[in-house]
Amino acid sequence: MSNDRFTPTLAAIAVLLLAACGDPSAGTAERESASQQVLRFTAIPDQNTTELQEKFKPFAEYLTSQLGIRVEYVPARDYQASVEMFINGDVGLAWFGGLTGVQARSKVPGARAIAQGDVDPKYYSYFIAHRDTGLKRSDEFPMGIGKYSFTFGSEQSTSGRLMPE
């Protein structure tokens, strides 16, 4: 999802998630308690931690200003950690890939996917060979691949593991 569509989409998600948090008929004490709420979110670590913190800091600040509660990005060390944070309730919102999203929803009753990128239904995986191998693109998988080593991405990655496997 491009950055232009990323912020409004996640803002809409956060608003939906928080709709039940505030009760207009609540008393002063309840409203003060609500003002101290924190919405924590995470994302699968598809970039290094510093890049992700820089990417999500403006988004957290935007949501904080729009929702009137503190919003924090919580970095995950790996794909499984992002799922575990969601399962354990350490975060209330997460940006997952296909596999991690299924894993998280299967472990948290009532959890559901509430947004999807435009490209997700048209997803493709690619096998990439270094040009020095001499392998060429073809309709049939190259028979000469047996003499080369092959690696997958993270076991929790849709694009790096699940789809190619």
C-alpha atoms as a PDB file:
ATOM      1  CA  MET A   1       0.000   0.000   0.000  1.00  0.00           C
ATOM      2  CA  SER A   2       1.482   3.387  -0.857  1.00  0.00           C
ATOM      3  CA  ASN A   3       2.141   5.933   1.898  1.00  0.00           C
ATOM      4  CA  ASP A   4      -0.579   8.181   0.404  1.00  0.00           C
ATOM      5  CA  ARG A   5      -3.213   5.534   1.120  1.00  0.00           C
ATOM      6  CA  PHE A   6      -1.538   4.053   4.200  1.00  0.00           C
ATOM      7  CA  THR A   7      -2.276   6.854   6.693  1.00  0.00           C
ATOM      8  CA  PRO A   8      -5.990   7.325   5.904  1.00  0.00           C
ATOM      9  CA  THR A   9      -6.566   3.573   5.835  1.00  0.00           C
ATOM     10  CA  LEU A  10      -4.980   2.970   9.228  1.00  0.00           C
ATOM     11  CA  ALA A  11      -6.703   6.064  10.625  1.00  0.00           C
ATOM     12  CA  ALA A  12     -10.048   4.597   9.604  1.00  0.00           C
ATOM     13  CA  ILE A  13      -9.070   1.291  11.186  1.00  0.00           C
ATOM     14  CA  ALA A  14      -8.144   2.974  14.444  1.00  0.00           C
ATOM     15  CA  VAL A  15     -11.396   4.920  14.523  1.00  0.00           C
ATOM     16  CA  LEU A  16     -13.352   1.684  14.043  1.00  0.00           C
ATOM     17  CA  LEU A  17     -11.411  -0.033  16.801  1.00  0.00           C
ATOM     18  CA  LEU A  18     -11.885   2.841  19.190  1.00  0.00           C
ATOM     19  CA  ALA A  19     -15.551   3.448  18.485  1.00  0.00           C
ATOM     20  CA  ALA A  20     -16.527   1.288  21.427  1.00  0.00           C
ATOM     21  CA  CYS A  21     -13.968   2.831  23.779  1.00  0.00           C
ATOM     22  CA  GLY A  22     -15.825   6.036  24.480  1.00  0.00           C
ATOM     23  CA  ASP A  23     -19.331   6.251  25.886  1.00  0.00           C
ATOM     24  CA  PRO A  24     -20.913   9.703  25.572  1.00  0.00           C
ATOM     25  CA  SER A  25     -23.089   8.986  28.620  1.00  0.00           C
ATOM     26  CA  ALA A  26     -20.087   8.095  30.774  1.00  0.00           C
ATOM     27  CA  GLY A  27     -19.322  10.204  33.821  1.00  0.00           C
ATOM     28  CA  THR A  28     -16.303  12.453  34.326  1.00  0.00           C
ATOM     29  CA  ALA A  29     -14.198   9.714  35.921  1.00  0.00           C
ATOM     30  CA  GLU A  30     -14.851   7.378  32.991  1.00  0.00           C
ATOM     31  CA  ARG A  31     -14.011  10.111  30.460  1.00  0.00           C
ATOM     32  CA  GLU A  32     -10.789  10.945  32.310  1.00  0.00           C
ATOM     33  CA  SER A  33      -9.883   7.257  32.293  1.00  0.00           C
ATOM     34  CA  ALA A  34     -10.580   7.117  28.538  1.00  0.00           C
ATOM     35  CA  SER A  35      -8.294  10.110  27.988  1.00  0.00           C
ATOM     36  CA  GLN A  36      -5.450   8.056  29.461  1.00  0.00           C
ATOM     37  CA  GLN A  37      -5.980   5.175  27.057  1.00  0.00           C
ATOM     38  CA  VAL A  38      -3.152   4.124  24.787  1.00  0.00           C
ATOM     39  CA  LEU A  39      -3.608   2.392  21.455  1.00  0.00           C
ATOM     40  CA  ARG A  40      -0.486   0.394  20.665  1.00  0.00           C
ATOM     41  CA  PHE A  41       0.123  -1.002  17.200  1.00  0.00           C
ATOM     42  CA  THR A  42       2.806  -3.016  15.507  1.00  0.00           C
ATOM     43  CA  ALA A  43       3.749  -4.200  12.046  1.00  0.00           C
ATOM     44  CA  ILE A  44       5.599  -7.123  10.560  1.00  0.00           C
ATOM     45  CA  PRO A  45       9.257  -6.125  10.413  1.00  0.00           C
ATOM     46  CA  ASP A  46       9.705  -5.763   6.660  1.00  0.00           C
ATOM     47  CA  GLN A  47      12.350  -3.059   7.131  1.00  0.00           C
ATOM     48  CA  ASN A  48      14.917  -2.403   9.849  1.00  0.00           C
ATOM     49  CA  THR A  49      13.662  -1.119  13.205  1.00  0.00           C
ATOM     50  CA  THR A  50      14.938   2.431  12.701  1.00  0.00           C
ATOM     51  CA  GLU A  51      13.197   2.765   9.324  1.00  0.00           C
ATOM     52  CA  LEU A  52       9.951   1.390  10.744  1.00  0.00           C
ATOM     53  CA  GLN A  53      10.041   3.740  13.734  1.00  0.00           C
ATOM     54  CA  GLU A  54      10.620   6.686  11.393  1.00  0.00           C
ATOM     55  CA  LYS A  55       7.807   5.474   9.130  1.00  0.00           C
ATOM     56  CA  PHE A  56       5.255   4.946  11.900  1.00  0.00           C
ATOM     57  CA  LYS A  57       6.092   7.871  14.216  1.00  0.00           C
ATOM     58  CA  PRO A  58       4.208  10.450  12.067  1.00  0.00           C
ATOM     59  CA  PHE A  59       1.303   8.042  11.774  1.00  0.00           C
ATOM     60  CA  ALA A  60       1.150   7.557  15.564  1.00  0.00           C
ATOM     61  CA  GLU A  61       1.282  11.339  16.032  1.00  0.00           C
ATOM     62  CA  TYR A  62      -1.486  11.831  13.471  1.00  0.00           C
ATOM     63  CA  LEU A  63      -3.742   9.276  15.151  1.00  0.00           C
ATOM     64  CA  THR A  64      -3.015  10.779  18.563  1.00  0.00           C
ATOM     65  CA  SER A  65      -4.173  14.181  17.318  1.00  0.00           C
ATOM     66  CA  GLN A  66      -7.240  12.773  15.569  1.00  0.00           C
ATOM     67  CA  LEU A  67      -8.419  10.334  18.238  1.00  0.00           C
ATOM     68  CA  GLY A  68      -7.586  12.244  21.400  1.00  0.00           C
ATOM     69  CA  ILE A  69      -5.730   9.297  22.929  1.00  0.00           C
ATOM     70  CA  ARG A  70      -2.064   8.417  22.903  1.00  0.00           C
ATOM     71  CA  VAL A  71      -1.084   6.106  20.029  1.00  0.00           C
ATOM     72  CA  GLU A  72       2.252   4.288  20.059  1.00  0.00           C
ATOM     73  CA  TYR A  73       4.100   2.141  17.559  1.00  0.00           C
ATOM     74  CA  VAL A  74       5.681  -0.945  19.158  1.00  0.00           C
ATOM     75  CA  PRO A  75       8.464  -2.517  17.066  1.00  0.00           C
ATOM     76  CA  ALA A  76       8.530  -6.301  16.641  1.00  0.00           C
ATOM     77  CA  ARG A  77      11.808  -8.181  16.443  1.00  0.00           C
ATOM     78  CA  ASP A  78      10.424 -10.653  13.894  1.00  0.00           C
ATOM     79  CA  TYR A  79       7.209 -11.852  12.281  1.00  0.00           C
ATOM     80  CA  GLN A  80       6.299 -14.230  15.099  1.00  0.00           C
ATOM     81  CA  ALA A  81       6.851 -11.527  17.718  1.00  0.00           C
ATOM     82  CA  SER A  82       4.288  -9.302  15.977  1.00  0.00           C
ATOM     83  CA  VAL A  83       1.763 -12.151  16.088  1.00  0.00           C
ATOM     84  CA  GLU A  84       2.547 -12.900  19.750  1.00  0.00           C
ATOM     85  CA  MET A  85       2.092  -9.244  20.740  1.00  0.00           C
ATOM     86  CA  PHE A  86      -1.347  -9.284  19.135  1.00  0.00           C
ATOM     87  CA  ILE A  87      -2.314 -12.636  20.689  1.00  0.00           C
ATOM     88  CA  ASN A  88      -1.175 -11.479  24.149  1.00  0.00           C
ATOM     89  CA  GLY A  89      -3.053  -8.185  23.876  1.00  0.00           C
ATOM     90  CA  ASP A  90       0.130  -6.099  23.984  1.00  0.00           C
ATOM     91  CA  VAL A  91      -1.090  -4.338  20.816  1.00  0.00           C
ATOM     92  CA  GLY A  92      -4.636  -3.715  19.655  1.00  0.00           C
ATOM     93  CA  LEU A  93      -3.886  -3.157  15.999  1.00  0.00           C
ATOM     94  CA  ALA A  94      -1.332  -4.772  13.722  1.00  0.00           C
ATOM     95  CA  TRP A  95      -0.250  -4.612  10.104  1.00  0.00           C
ATOM     96  CA  PHE A  96       0.232  -8.238   9.098  1.00  0.00           C
ATOM     97  CA  GLY A  97       0.971 -10.085   5.909  1.00  0.00           C
ATOM     98  CA  GLY A  98      -1.262 -12.880   4.683  1.00  0.00           C
ATOM     99  CA  LEU A  99       0.188 -15.686   6.798  1.00  0.00           C
ATOM    100  CA  THR A 100       0.725 -13.692   9.989  1.00  0.00           C
ATOM    101  CA  GLY A 101      -2.792 -12.283   9.676  1.00  0.00           C
ATOM    102  CA  VAL A 102      -4.285 -15.771   9.502  1.00  0.00           C
ATOM    103  CA  GLN A 103      -2.157 -16.908  12.453  1.00  0.00           C
ATOM    104  CA  ALA A 104      -3.210 -13.948  14.604  1.00  0.00           C
ATOM    105  CA  ARG A 105      -6.910 -14.208  13.760  1.00  0.00           C
ATOM    106  CA  SER A 106      -6.956 -17.950  14.454  1.00  0.00           C
ATOM    107  CA  LYS A 107      -5.627 -17.366  17.996  1.00  0.00           C
ATOM    108  CA  VAL A 108      -7.721 -14.344  19.008  1.00  0.00           C
ATOM    109  CA  PRO A 109     -11.476 -14.924  19.123  1.00  0.00           C
ATOM    110  CA  GLY A 110     -13.321 -12.061  17.445  1.00  0.00           C
ATOM    111  CA  ALA A 111     -10.219 -10.648  15.743  1.00  0.00           C
ATOM    112  CA  ARG A 112     -10.775  -9.804  12.121  1.00  0.00           C
ATOM    113  CA  ALA A 113      -9.044  -8.248   9.152  1.00  0.00           C
ATOM    114  CA  ILE A 114     -10.526  -4.804   8.614  1.00  0.00           C
ATOM    115  CA  ALA A 115      -8.450  -3.478   5.730  1.00  0.00           C
ATOM    116  CA  GLN A 116      -6.533  -4.913   2.824  1.00  0.00           C
ATOM    117  CA  GLY A 117      -4.196  -3.341   0.321  1.00  0.00           C
ATOM    118  CA  ASP A 118      -5.321  -2.954  -3.275  1.00  0.00           C
ATOM    119  CA  VAL A 119      -2.599  -5.282  -4.516  1.00  0.00           C
ATOM    120  CA  ASP A 120      -3.179  -8.104  -2.017  1.00  0.00           C
ATOM    121  CA  PRO A 121      -5.762 -10.033  -4.097  1.00  0.00           C
ATOM    122  CA  LYS A 122      -3.397  -9.891  -7.087  1.00  0.00           C
ATOM    123  CA  TYR A 123      -0.365 -11.112  -5.181  1.00  0.00           C
ATOM    124  CA  TYR A 124       2.514 -12.897  -6.917  1.00  0.00           C
ATOM    125  CA  SER A 125       5.735 -14.466  -5.712  1.00  0.00           C
ATOM    126  CA  TYR A 126       8.851 -14.596  -7.847  1.00  0.00           C
ATOM    127  CA  PHE A 127      11.855 -16.856  -7.957  1.00  0.00           C
ATOM    128  CA  ILE A 128      14.899 -14.700  -8.532  1.00  0.00           C
ATOM    129  CA  ALA A 129      18.143 -16.079  -9.905  1.00  0.00           C
ATOM    130  CA  HIS A 130      21.457 -14.290 -10.071  1.00  0.00           C
ATOM    131  CA  ARG A 131      22.404 -13.592 -13.691  1.00  0.00           C
ATOM    132  CA  ASP A 132      25.622 -15.597 -13.287  1.00  0.00           C
ATOM    133  CA  THR A 133      23.568 -18.811 -12.990  1.00  0.00           C
ATOM    134  CA  GLY A 134      22.515 -18.537 -16.622  1.00  0.00           C
ATOM    135  CA  LEU A 135      18.937 -19.501 -15.673  1.00  0.00           C
ATOM    136  CA  LYS A 136      16.311 -17.858 -17.872  1.00  0.00           C
ATOM    137  CA  ARG A 137      12.632 -17.141 -17.388  1.00  0.00           C
ATOM    138  CA  SER A 138      10.455 -19.858 -18.923  1.00  0.00           C
ATOM    139  CA  ASP A 139       6.991 -21.432 -18.731  1.00  0.00           C
ATOM    140  CA  GLU A 140       8.526 -24.513 -17.162  1.00  0.00           C
ATOM    141  CA  PHE A 141      10.677 -24.421 -14.084  1.00  0.00           C
ATOM    142  CA  PRO A 142      14.344 -24.624 -15.170  1.00  0.00           C
ATOM    143  CA  MET A 143      15.618 -28.177 -14.987  1.00  0.00           C
ATOM    144  CA  GLY A 144      19.184 -26.986 -14.334  1.00  0.00           C
ATOM    145  CA  ILE A 145      18.282 -25.509 -10.961  1.00  0.00           C
ATOM    146  CA  GLY A 146      19.294 -28.681  -9.075  1.00  0.00           C
ATOM    147  CA  LYS A 147      22.959 -27.705  -8.935  1.00  0.00           C
ATOM    148  CA  TYR A 148      22.228 -24.423  -7.148  1.00  0.00           C
ATOM    149  CA  SER A 149      21.403 -23.676  -3.545  1.00  0.00           C
ATOM    150  CA  PHE A 150      18.083 -22.096  -2.689  1.00  0.00           C
ATOM    151  CA  THR A 151      16.836 -20.126   0.282  1.00  0.00           C
ATOM    152  CA  PHE A 152      13.491 -18.906   1.554  1.00  0.00           C
ATOM    153  CA  GLY A 153      12.730 -15.827   3.580  1.00  0.00           C
ATOM    154  CA  SER A 154      11.382 -15.874   7.128  1.00  0.00           C
ATOM    155  CA  GLU A 155       9.204 -18.869   8.004  1.00  0.00           C
ATOM    156  CA  GLN A 156       6.463 -16.375   8.934  1.00  0.00           C
ATOM    157  CA  SER A 157       6.634 -14.465   5.643  1.00  0.00           C
ATOM    158  CA  THR A 158       3.888 -14.848   3.080  1.00  0.00           C
ATOM    159  CA  SER A 159       6.043 -13.599   0.220  1.00  0.00           C
ATOM    160  CA  GLY A 160       9.361 -15.018   1.414  1.00  0.00           C
ATOM    161  CA  ARG A 161       8.195 -18.463   2.426  1.00  0.00           C
ATOM    162  CA  LEU A 162       4.530 -19.455   2.196  1.00  0.00           C
ATOM    163  CA  MET A 163       3.831 -18.549  -1.429  1.00  0.00           C
ATOM    164  CA  PRO A 164       7.114 -19.838  -2.923  1.00  0.00           C
ATOM    165  CA  GLU A 165       6.988 -23.016  -0.871  1.00  0.00           C
END
